[in-house]
PDB file of N, CA and C in Angstrom:
ATOM      1  N   MET A   1     139.968  87.294 188.671  1.00  0.00           N
ATOM      2  CA  MET A   1     140.210  87.711 187.298  1.00  0.00           C
ATOM      3  C   MET A   1     138.903  88.228 186.695  1.00  0.00           C
ATOM      4  N   SER A   2     138.982  89.371 186.008  1.00  0.00           N
ATOM      5  CA  SER A   2     137.777  89.943 185.422  1.00  0.00           C
ATOM      6  C   SER A   2     137.362  89.148 184.185  1.00  0.00           C
ATOM      7  N   VAL A   3     136.126  89.311 183.807  1.00  0.00           N
ATOM      8  CA  VAL A   3     135.592  88.606 182.646  1.00  0.00           C
ATOM      9  C   VAL A   3     136.368  89.000 181.388  1.00  0.00           C
ATOM     10  N   LEU A   4     136.672  90.289 181.240  1.00  0.00           N
ATOM     11  CA  LEU A   4     137.392  90.749 180.050  1.00  0.00           C
ATOM     12  C   LEU A   4     138.790  90.151 179.958  1.00  0.00           C
ATOM     13  N   GLN A   5     139.413  89.922 181.074  1.00  0.00           N
ATOM     14  CA  GLN A   5     140.759  89.346 181.065  1.00  0.00           C
ATOM     15  C   GLN A   5     140.742  87.884 180.639  1.00  0.00           C
ATOM     16  N   LYS A   6     139.596  87.242 180.700  1.00  0.00           N
ATOM     17  CA  LYS A   6     139.472  85.840 180.291  1.00  0.00           C
ATOM     18  C   LYS A   6     139.390  85.691 178.776  1.00  0.00           C
ATOM     19  N   ILE A   7     139.084  86.788 178.077  1.00  0.00           N
ATOM     20  CA  ILE A   7     138.976  86.742 176.614  1.00  0.00           C
ATOM     21  C   ILE A   7     140.370  86.861 176.025  1.00  0.00           C
ATOM     22  N   GLN A   8     140.684  85.959 175.103  1.00  0.00           N
ATOM     23  CA  GLN A   8     142.015  85.997 174.474  1.00  0.00           C
ATOM     24  C   GLN A   8     142.174  87.274 173.647  1.00  0.00           C
ATOM     25  N   GLU A   9     143.410  87.803 173.616  1.00  0.00           N
ATOM     26  CA  GLU A   9     143.684  89.051 172.897  1.00  0.00           C
ATOM     27  C   GLU A   9     143.298  88.937 171.427  1.00  0.00           C
ATOM     28  N   LYS A  10     143.517  87.770 170.831  1.00  0.00           N
ATOM     29  CA  LYS A  10     143.160  87.546 169.424  1.00  0.00           C
ATOM     30  C   LYS A  10     141.660  87.773 169.209  1.00  0.00           C
ATOM     31  N   GLU A  11     140.851  87.315 170.134  1.00  0.00           N
ATOM     32  CA  GLU A  11     139.407  87.482 170.045  1.00  0.00           C
ATOM     33  C   GLU A  11     139.013  88.947 170.269  1.00  0.00           C
ATOM     34  N   CYS A  12     139.696  89.623 171.202  1.00  0.00           N
ATOM     35  CA  CYS A  12     139.409  91.036 171.474  1.00  0.00           C
ATOM     36  C   CYS A  12     139.674  91.899 170.247  1.00  0.00           C
ATOM     37  N   ARG A  13     140.672  91.539 169.470  1.00  0.00           N
ATOM     38  CA  ARG A  13     141.019  92.312 168.279  1.00  0.00           C
ATOM     39  C   ARG A  13     139.996  92.124 167.155  1.00  0.00           C
ATOM     40  N   LYS A  14     139.131  91.136 167.258  1.00  0.00           N
ATOM     41  CA  LYS A  14     138.083  90.917 166.258  1.00  0.00           C
ATOM     42  C   LYS A  14     136.894  91.864 166.452  1.00  0.00           C
ATOM     43  N   VAL A  15     136.783  92.450 167.639  1.00  0.00           N
ATOM     44  CA  VAL A  15     135.675  93.369 167.921  1.00  0.00           C
ATOM     45  C   VAL A  15     135.915  94.642 167.123  1.00  0.00           C
ATOM     46  N   SER A  16     134.936  95.009 166.268  1.00  0.00           N
ATOM     47  CA  SER A  16     135.142  96.154 165.376  1.00  0.00           C
ATOM     48  C   SER A  16     134.493  97.442 165.876  1.00  0.00           C
ATOM     49  N   GLU A  17     133.455  97.333 166.711  1.00  0.00           N
ATOM     50  CA  GLU A  17     132.771  98.539 167.181  1.00  0.00           C
ATOM     51  C   GLU A  17     132.179  98.304 168.563  1.00  0.00           C
ATOM     52  N   ILE A  18     132.249  99.345 169.381  1.00  0.00           N
ATOM     53  CA  ILE A  18     131.705  99.275 170.739  1.00  0.00           C
ATOM     54  C   ILE A  18     130.843 100.514 170.977  1.00  0.00           C
ATOM     55  N   ALA A  19     129.637 100.296 171.496  1.00  0.00           N
ATOM     56  CA  ALA A  19     128.762 101.413 171.873  1.00  0.00           C
ATOM     57  C   ALA A  19     129.006 101.722 173.342  1.00  0.00           C
ATOM     58  N   LEU A  20     129.364 102.972 173.625  1.00  0.00           N
ATOM     59  CA  LEU A  20     129.674 103.389 174.992  1.00  0.00           C
ATOM     60  C   LEU A  20     128.534 104.206 175.582  1.00  0.00           C
ATOM     61  N   ASN A  21     128.557 104.332 176.907  1.00  0.00           N
ATOM     62  CA  ASN A  21     127.514 105.096 177.594  1.00  0.00           C
ATOM     63  C   ASN A  21     128.019 106.440 178.101  1.00  0.00           C
ATOM     64  N   MET A  22     129.120 106.923 177.593  1.00  0.00           N
ATOM     65  CA  MET A  22     129.715 108.235 177.891  1.00  0.00           C
ATOM     66  C   MET A  22     130.394 108.317 179.258  1.00  0.00           C
ATOM     67  N   ALA A  23     130.455 107.233 179.993  1.00  0.00           N
ATOM     68  CA  ALA A  23     131.194 107.236 181.250  1.00  0.00           C
ATOM     69  C   ALA A  23     132.680 107.139 180.916  1.00  0.00           C
ATOM     70  N   GLY A  24     133.488 108.001 181.516  1.00  0.00           N
ATOM     71  CA  GLY A  24     134.920 108.033 181.214  1.00  0.00           C
ATOM     72  C   GLY A  24     135.624 106.704 181.449  1.00  0.00           C
ATOM     73  N   ASN A  25     135.259 106.032 182.522  1.00  0.00           N
ATOM     74  CA  ASN A  25     135.918 104.764 182.822  1.00  0.00           C
ATOM     75  C   ASN A  25     135.569 103.689 181.795  1.00  0.00           C
ATOM     76  N   MET A  26     134.377 103.740 181.220  1.00  0.00           N
ATOM     77  CA  MET A  26     133.999 102.757 180.206  1.00  0.00           C
ATOM     78  C   MET A  26     134.848 102.922 178.947  1.00  0.00           C
ATOM     79  N   GLU A  27     135.123 104.161 178.578  1.00  0.00           N
ATOM     80  CA  GLU A  27     135.956 104.399 177.394  1.00  0.00           C
ATOM     81  C   GLU A  27     137.363 103.850 177.635  1.00  0.00           C
ATOM     82  N   HIS A  28     137.878 104.067 178.818  1.00  0.00           N
ATOM     83  CA  HIS A  28     139.214 103.562 179.163  1.00  0.00           C
ATOM     84  C   HIS A  28     139.246 102.031 179.074  1.00  0.00           C
ATOM     85  N   ILE A  29     138.248 101.383 179.630  1.00  0.00           N
ATOM     86  CA  ILE A  29     138.178  99.921 179.601  1.00  0.00           C
ATOM     87  C   ILE A  29     138.061  99.432 178.159  1.00  0.00           C
ATOM     88  N   ALA A  30     137.245 100.095 177.355  1.00  0.00           N
ATOM     89  CA  ALA A  30     137.062  99.686 175.965  1.00  0.00           C
ATOM     90  C   ALA A  30     138.367  99.819 175.179  1.00  0.00           C
ATOM     91  N   LYS A  31     139.076 100.924 175.362  1.00  0.00           N
ATOM     92  CA  LYS A  31     140.353 101.121 174.658  1.00  0.00           C
ATOM     93  C   LYS A  31     141.373 100.060 175.050  1.00  0.00           C
ATOM     94  N   LYS A  32     141.412  99.760 176.329  1.00  0.00           N
ATOM     95  CA  LYS A  32     142.386  98.794 176.831  1.00  0.00           C
ATOM     96  C   LYS A  32     142.031  97.365 176.413  1.00  0.00           C
ATOM     97  N   SER A  33     140.755  97.033 176.462  1.00  0.00           N
ATOM     98  CA  SER A  33     140.332  95.664 176.187  1.00  0.00           C
ATOM     99  C   SER A  33     140.142  95.368 174.704  1.00  0.00           C
ATOM    100  N   PHE A  34     139.700  96.355 173.943  1.00  0.00           N
ATOM    101  CA  PHE A  34     139.417  96.172 172.526  1.00  0.00           C
ATOM    102  C   PHE A  34     140.114  97.270 171.730  1.00  0.00           C
ATOM    103  N   PRO A  35     141.439  97.170 171.575  1.00  0.00           N
ATOM    104  CA  PRO A  35     142.242  98.268 171.028  1.00  0.00           C
ATOM    105  C   PRO A  35     141.917  98.676 169.594  1.00  0.00           C
ATOM    106  N   VAL A  36     141.408  97.776 168.774  1.00  0.00           N
ATOM    107  CA  VAL A  36     141.153  98.140 167.374  1.00  0.00           C
ATOM    108  C   VAL A  36     139.699  98.525 167.124  1.00  0.00           C
ATOM    109  N   ALA A  37     138.852  98.379 168.098  1.00  0.00           N
ATOM    110  CA  ALA A  37     137.427  98.678 167.920  1.00  0.00           C
ATOM    111  C   ALA A  37     137.187 100.180 167.849  1.00  0.00           C
ATOM    112  N   VAL A  38     136.233 100.560 167.030  1.00  0.00           N
ATOM    113  CA  VAL A  38     135.782 101.943 166.957  1.00  0.00           C
ATOM    114  C   VAL A  38     134.844 102.154 168.139  1.00  0.00           C
ATOM    115  N   LYS A  39     135.096 103.232 168.890  1.00  0.00           N
ATOM    116  CA  LYS A  39     134.263 103.529 170.053  1.00  0.00           C
ATOM    117  C   LYS A  39     133.235 104.583 169.650  1.00  0.00           C
ATOM    118  N   ALA A  40     131.968 104.302 169.909  1.00  0.00           N
ATOM    119  CA  ALA A  40     130.893 105.234 169.550  1.00  0.00           C
ATOM    120  C   ALA A  40     129.916 105.340 170.705  1.00  0.00           C
ATOM    121  N   THR A  41     129.353 106.523 170.855  1.00  0.00           N
ATOM    122  CA  THR A  41     128.327 106.720 171.869  1.00  0.00           C
ATOM    123  C   THR A  41     126.988 106.324 171.263  1.00  0.00           C
ATOM    124  N   GLY A  42     126.211 105.556 171.995  1.00  0.00           N
ATOM    125  CA  GLY A  42     124.915 105.102 171.503  1.00  0.00           C
ATOM    126  C   GLY A  42     124.014 106.276 171.149  1.00  0.00           C
ATOM    127  N   ARG A  43     123.348 106.216 170.010  1.00  0.00           N
ATOM    128  CA  ARG A  43     122.532 107.335 169.539  1.00  0.00           C
ATOM    129  C   ARG A  43     121.356 107.633 170.459  1.00  0.00           C
ATOM    130  N   PHE A  44     120.831 106.626 171.133  1.00  0.00           N
ATOM    131  CA  PHE A  44     119.702 106.870 172.022  1.00  0.00           C
ATOM    132  C   PHE A  44     120.132 107.692 173.234  1.00  0.00           C
ATOM    133  N   LEU A  45     121.343 107.459 173.724  1.00  0.00           N
ATOM    134  CA  LEU A  45     121.848 108.252 174.843  1.00  0.00           C
ATOM    135  C   LEU A  45     122.074 109.696 174.413  1.00  0.00           C
ATOM    136  N   VAL A  46     122.638 109.887 173.242  1.00  0.00           N
ATOM    137  CA  VAL A  46     122.871 111.242 172.736  1.00  0.00           C
ATOM    138  C   VAL A  46     121.533 111.966 172.564  1.00  0.00           C
ATOM    139  N   GLN A  47     120.540 111.277 172.007  1.00  0.00           N
ATOM    140  CA  GLN A  47     119.223 111.878 171.826  1.00  0.00           C
ATOM    141  C   GLN A  47     118.597 112.232 173.170  1.00  0.00           C
ATOM    142  N   LYS A  48     118.742 111.355 174.157  1.00  0.00           N
ATOM    143  CA  LYS A  48     118.191 111.606 175.488  1.00  0.00           C
ATOM    144  C   LYS A  48     118.842 112.839 176.113  1.00  0.00           C
ATOM    145  N   LEU A  49     120.163 112.934 176.022  1.00  0.00           N
ATOM    146  CA  LEU A  49     120.872 114.080 176.592  1.00  0.00           C
ATOM    147  C   LEU A  49     120.484 115.381 175.897  1.00  0.00           C
ATOM    148  N   ALA A  50     120.351 115.339 174.577  1.00  0.00           N
ATOM    149  CA  ALA A  50     119.952 116.539 173.829  1.00  0.00           C
ATOM    150  C   ALA A  50     118.531 116.964 174.204  1.00  0.00           C
ATOM    151  N   THR A  51     117.632 115.999 174.321  1.00  0.00           N
ATOM    152  CA  THR A  51     116.248 116.305 174.701  1.00  0.00           C
ATOM    153  C   THR A  51     116.194 116.920 176.089  1.00  0.00           C
ATOM    154  N   GLU A  52     116.952 116.380 177.024  1.00  0.00           N
ATOM    155  CA  GLU A  52     116.984 116.930 178.382  1.00  0.00           C
ATOM    156  C   GLU A  52     117.533 118.353 178.390  1.00  0.00           C
ATOM    157  N   ALA A  53     118.561 118.606 177.587  1.00  0.00           N
ATOM    158  CA  ALA A  53     119.150 119.945 177.530  1.00  0.00           C
ATOM    159  C   ALA A  53     118.144 120.952 176.961  1.00  0.00           C
ATOM    160  N   VAL A  54     117.433 120.564 175.903  1.00  0.00           N
ATOM    161  CA  VAL A  54     116.423 121.452 175.318  1.00  0.00           C
ATOM    162  C   VAL A  54     115.311 121.713 176.328  1.00  0.00           C
ATOM    163  N   GLN A  55     114.916 120.690 177.061  1.00  0.00           N
ATOM    164  CA  GLN A  55     113.869 120.851 178.075  1.00  0.00           C
ATOM    165  C   GLN A  55     114.307 121.833 179.160  1.00  0.00           C
ATOM    166  N   GLU A  56     115.551 121.730 179.613  1.00  0.00           N
ATOM    167  CA  GLU A  56     116.071 122.668 180.625  1.00  0.00           C
ATOM    168  C   GLU A  56     116.023 124.108 180.116  1.00  0.00           C
ATOM    169  N   ILE A  57     116.427 124.306 178.871  1.00  0.00           N
ATOM    170  CA  ILE A  57     116.417 125.647 178.280  1.00  0.00           C
ATOM    171  C   ILE A  57     114.987 126.157 178.165  1.00  0.00           C
ATOM    172  N   ARG A  58     114.074 125.294 177.709  1.00  0.00           N
ATOM    173  CA  ARG A  58     112.672 125.675 177.563  1.00  0.00           C
ATOM    174  C   ARG A  58     112.083 126.099 178.908  1.00  0.00           C
ATOM    175  N   ILE A  59     112.361 125.341 179.951  1.00  0.00           N
ATOM    176  CA  ILE A  59     111.837 125.658 181.282  1.00  0.00           C
ATOM    177  C   ILE A  59     112.409 126.976 181.785  1.00  0.00           C
ATOM    178  N   LYS A  60     113.716 127.198 181.586  1.00  0.00           N
ATOM    179  CA  LYS A  60     114.325 128.456 182.018  1.00  0.00           C
ATOM    180  C   LYS A  60     113.676 129.646 181.329  1.00  0.00           C
ATOM    181  N   HIS A  61     113.487 129.552 180.013  1.00  0.00           N
ATOM    182  CA  HIS A  61     112.867 130.657 179.275  1.00  0.00           C
ATOM    183  C   HIS A  61     111.410 130.861 179.692  1.00  0.00           C
ATOM    184  N   ARG A  62     110.715 129.770 179.995  1.00  0.00           N
ATOM    185  CA  ARG A  62     109.329 129.896 180.435  1.00  0.00           C
ATOM    186  C   ARG A  62     109.272 130.637 181.764  1.00  0.00           C
ATOM    187  N   TRP A  63     110.144 130.289 182.724  1.00  0.00           N
ATOM    188  CA  TRP A  63     110.158 130.998 184.015  1.00  0.00           C
ATOM    189  C   TRP A  63     110.540 132.461 183.826  1.00  0.00           C
ATOM    190  N   ASP A  64     111.474 132.732 182.914  1.00  0.00           N
ATOM    191  CA  ASP A  64     111.840 134.128 182.623  1.00  0.00           C
ATOM    192  C   ASP A  64     110.630 134.899 182.091  1.00  0.00           C
ATOM    193  N   ALA A  65     109.861 134.280 181.204  1.00  0.00           N
ATOM    194  CA  ALA A  65     108.672 134.917 180.642  1.00  0.00           C
ATOM    195  C   ALA A  65     107.622 135.160 181.728  1.00  0.00           C
ATOM    196  N   ILE A  66     107.455 134.208 182.628  1.00  0.00           N
ATOM    197  CA  ILE A  66     106.503 134.376 183.735  1.00  0.00           C
ATOM    198  C   ILE A  66     106.936 135.537 184.631  1.00  0.00           C
ATOM    199  N   ASP A  67     108.221 135.606 184.932  1.00  0.00           N
ATOM    200  CA  ASP A  67     108.734 136.707 185.762  1.00  0.00           C
ATOM    201  C   ASP A  67     108.510 138.056 185.082  1.00  0.00           C
ATOM    202  N   MET A  68     108.773 138.120 183.777  1.00  0.00           N
ATOM    203  CA  MET A  68     108.569 139.375 183.047  1.00  0.00           C
ATOM    204  C   MET A  68     107.093 139.782 183.062  1.00  0.00           C
ATOM    205  N   GLU A  69     106.212 138.814 182.877  1.00  0.00           N
ATOM    206  CA  GLU A  69     104.781 139.119 182.892  1.00  0.00           C
ATOM    207  C   GLU A  69     104.342 139.574 184.285  1.00  0.00           C
ATOM    208  N   ASN A  70     104.831 138.921 185.328  1.00  0.00           N
ATOM    209  CA  ASN A  70     104.497 139.338 186.698  1.00  0.00           C
ATOM    210  C   ASN A  70     104.982 140.754 186.978  1.00  0.00           C
ATOM    211  N   ASP A  71     106.188 141.074 186.503  1.00  0.00           N
ATOM    212  CA  ASP A  71     106.705 142.443 186.665  1.00  0.00           C
ATOM    213  C   ASP A  71     105.806 143.452 185.948  1.00  0.00           C
ATOM    214  N   ALA A  72     105.373 143.110 184.733  1.00  0.00           N
ATOM    215  CA  ALA A  72     104.503 144.008 183.967  1.00  0.00           C
ATOM    216  C   ALA A  72     103.159 144.191 184.670  1.00  0.00           C
ATOM    217  N   ILE A  73     102.637 143.137 185.269  1.00  0.00           N
ATOM    218  CA  ILE A  73     101.378 143.230 186.018  1.00  0.00           C
ATOM    219  C   ILE A  73     101.547 144.173 187.205  1.00  0.00           C
ATOM    220  N   GLU A  74     102.647 144.055 187.923  1.00  0.00           N
ATOM    221  CA  GLU A  74     102.913 144.926 189.076  1.00  0.00           C
ATOM    222  C   GLU A  74     103.027 146.390 188.653  1.00  0.00           C
ATOM    223  N   ILE A  75     103.732 146.629 187.554  1.00  0.00           N
ATOM    224  CA  ILE A  75     103.871 148.003 187.049  1.00  0.00           C
ATOM    225  C   ILE A  75     102.503 148.562 186.663  1.00  0.00           C
ATOM    226  N   ALA A  76     101.681 147.743 186.010  1.00  0.00           N
ATOM    227  CA  ALA A  76     100.339 148.177 185.618  1.00  0.00           C
ATOM    228  C   ALA A  76      99.507 148.535 186.845  1.00  0.00           C
ATOM    229  N   LYS A  77      99.607 147.727 187.905  1.00  0.00           N
ATOM    230  CA  LYS A  77      98.864 148.009 189.136  1.00  0.00           C
ATOM    231  C   LYS A  77      99.320 149.325 189.760  1.00  0.00           C
ATOM    232  N   LYS A  78     100.627 149.528 189.809  1.00  0.00           N
ATOM    233  CA  LYS A  78     101.178 150.738 190.440  1.00  0.00           C
ATOM    234  C   LYS A  78     100.853 152.002 189.657  1.00  0.00           C
ATOM    235  N   THR A  79     100.702 151.864 188.370  1.00  0.00           N
ATOM    236  CA  THR A  79     100.426 153.045 187.533  1.00  0.00           C
ATOM    237  C   THR A  79      98.950 153.151 187.152  1.00  0.00           C
ATOM    238  N   ASN A  80      98.125 152.304 187.756  1.00  0.00           N
ATOM    239  CA  ASN A  80      96.678 152.288 187.483  1.00  0.00           C
ATOM    240  C   ASN A  80      96.359 152.141 185.995  1.00  0.00           C
ATOM    241  N   LYS A  81      97.117 151.302 185.332  1.00  0.00           N
ATOM    242  CA  LYS A  81      96.873 151.020 183.910  1.00  0.00           C
ATOM    243  C   LYS A  81      96.409 149.568 183.782  1.00  0.00           C
ATOM    244  N   ALA A  82      95.657 149.339 182.730  1.00  0.00           N
ATOM    245  CA  ALA A  82      95.196 147.966 182.471  1.00  0.00           C
ATOM    246  C   ALA A  82      96.354 147.138 181.933  1.00  0.00           C
ATOM    247  N   PHE A  83      96.447 145.938 182.404  1.00  0.00           N
ATOM    248  CA  PHE A  83      97.480 145.025 181.899  1.00  0.00           C
ATOM    249  C   PHE A  83      96.880 144.163 180.802  1.00  0.00           C
ATOM    250  N   ARG A  84      97.595 144.092 179.702  1.00  0.00           N
ATOM    251  CA  ARG A  84      97.174 143.213 178.608  1.00  0.00           C
ATOM    252  C   ARG A  84      98.328 142.264 178.302  1.00  0.00           C
ATOM    253  N   ALA A  85      98.048 141.008 178.486  1.00  0.00           N
ATOM    254  CA  ALA A  85      99.078 139.998 178.210  1.00  0.00           C
ATOM    255  C   ALA A  85      99.298 139.875 176.707  1.00  0.00           C
ATOM    256  N   LYS A  86     100.538 139.675 176.338  1.00  0.00           N
ATOM    257  CA  LYS A  86     100.846 139.443 174.931  1.00  0.00           C
ATOM    258  C   LYS A  86     100.455 138.007 174.590  1.00  0.00           C
ATOM    259  N   VAL A  87      99.738 137.868 173.521  1.00  0.00           N
ATOM    260  CA  VAL A  87      99.339 136.544 173.063  1.00  0.00           C
ATOM    261  C   VAL A  87     100.069 136.280 171.766  1.00  0.00           C
ATOM    262  N   LEU A  88     100.847 135.222 171.767  1.00  0.00           N
ATOM    263  CA  LEU A  88     101.596 134.857 170.566  1.00  0.00           C
ATOM    264  C   LEU A  88     100.806 133.809 169.800  1.00  0.00           C
ATOM    265  N   VAL A  89     100.625 134.065 168.520  1.00  0.00           N
ATOM    266  CA  VAL A  89      99.885 133.136 167.677  1.00  0.00           C
ATOM    267  C   VAL A  89     100.862 132.556 166.672  1.00  0.00           C
ATOM    268  N   MET A  90     100.846 131.256 166.548  1.00  0.00           N
ATOM    269  CA  MET A  90     101.742 130.600 165.616  1.00  0.00           C
ATOM    270  C   MET A  90     100.922 130.073 164.444  1.00  0.00           C
ATOM    271  N   ALA A  91     101.292 130.481 163.269  1.00  0.00           N
ATOM    272  CA  ALA A  91     100.597 130.014 162.073  1.00  0.00           C
ATOM    273  C   ALA A  91     101.277 128.749 161.572  1.00  0.00           C
ATOM    274  N   ILE A  92     100.474 127.749 161.321  1.00  0.00           N
ATOM    275  CA  ILE A  92     101.004 126.483 160.791  1.00  0.00           C
ATOM    276  C   ILE A  92     100.537 126.356 159.353  1.00  0.00           C
ATOM    277  N   HIS A  93     101.488 126.204 158.484  1.00  0.00           N
ATOM    278  CA  HIS A  93     101.165 126.104 157.045  1.00  0.00           C
ATOM    279  C   HIS A  93     101.225 124.679 156.591  1.00  0.00           C
TER     280      HIS A  93
END
């Protein structure tokens, strides 16, 4: 018998909120075991996933920029022109 099955239904109905880890099976277990509880994804997990997604996008754009600069360097070499890298300056107020 699982641990959750040992808890009386009356006690399970007292649980008002459950923090989930976004695994599909966990949501199913929470709904079945604690039917009246509000199911929420923990904010730290959401923040971690968002940070990872932004990092992936940042890395992709950085590699794209490196490829574009390498292409420009090659074109400059082939046309005997000087290559000047674009320097972006960010002003902080």
